[in-house]
Amino acid sequence: MKKYDFLIVGAGLFGSVFAHEMSKAGKSVLVVDKRDHIGGNVFCENINGINVHKYGAHIFHTSNKEIWDYVNSFVEFNRYTNSPIANFKGELFNLPFNMNTFYKLWGVKTPEEAKAKIEEQKKEYSHIKEPKNLEEQALVLGGKDIYEKLIKGYTEKQWGRPATQIPAFIIRRLPFRFTFDNNYFNDTYQGIPKGGYNKLIEGLLDGVEVNLGINFFEEKEKLTSIAHKVVYTGKIDEFFEYKYGKLEYRSLHFEHEELDIQDFQGNAVVNYTEKEIPFTRIIEHKHFEFGKQSNTIITREYPHEFSKDNEPYYPLNDDKNQTLFEKYKELANKESNVLFGGRLADYKYYDMHNVIDVALQTVKKLVDNEE
């Protein structure tokens, strides 16, 4: 006899939203996760009063009012605005590329002057008609100064290879803003949950049965036998035992450091864009929630190749990997009792609001089909 309507593998955003909505619809749900905490990569650890984003900075942003209202129904979000700084050999630049950036680069003071300077910089590379790699693409779009100071080193660290070996499609365009506006996102709504992302996940999973420290693959037969349907949010290639080979990812590791000072860098996010510094950025967590603590906690973020011993963060999504994913997707479509969802199952880099939206739509489709 089946005990649950749904077994949900993964207590991240997709799994938690799905669990909440199905539980609300009167379905019996069990959530399992191999980690010892809920929340997946949005998990925060409270260390001496500071909510530390353990798996990298997560900044919620959306223009979808329904999604914004949905997350705020579980926890109130603050007014944090993402305005990262780029540090290139000690020089500081505002991101995204805007008039503050252009003024610092070239001393230009009007949008017309900035546009003229960018066109002048691009002209040197006008002979490149079809960029063959990221370096050529970036030079054609923005010229030498922006590329060498703000793109080259950071991107090479992120991808672990020279820019001349990174596909051109990675940078389809460069978002230039000709206003003095350091807000990184264009979305209508933006913020951080007051008290950290755990508040959001705890709200979603309130009243839901959750078992942590459970490796689905070690207990697959037993777990699938107790539920009518499985909702799987892990790596799609792992589910099918890497039948066609492994999908490729870039990974990250984090070095957290607590400092006995009130403020280390005056900003939540500072990118280090020179290649010689091995980390891509330093996060200072207290600034996400406007903290006034006498101490601070920083995290250095290091990108590296993915292996079985670390977490998959960024799907590579090149032609080879997309072709491989499509083969796994065909297998997934043939599974009558398994639903696949989330970043790893869809082999797609989702923003958080997209994950929530897809989870809500998936539930709605299932519920509608039952009626």
Foldseek 3Di string as FASTA:
>chain_A
DAQFAEEEEAQALLSLLLLLVVVVVVGAYEYEYQAPDHHPQQQFDQDPNFTHSQNDDAKDFAQDVVLVVVLVVQFNFDQDFDWEWEAEPNDIATPDAEQRRQCSQPVDDALVVSVVVQVVQLVVLPVCPDDAFCLSLCCNAGHDSCCQRPNFQLVCQQVVHGRSPHGNVVDPHRDYYHDPDRRHDPHPDIGAGQVGCVSSSCSSCPVHHYHYSDDCVVCVVVSVVNHQAYEYAAALCVVVVVPVHDFWAKFKHKDKDKFQAQDDPPHQWYAYRHNVPQFGIKGWRCVRNVDRDRITMIMTMGIGTDDPVGDGQAGSPDPVNVVVLVVSVVVVVPDPRYHYAYCNSNVHHDRSSVSSVVSVVVSVVVVVVVD
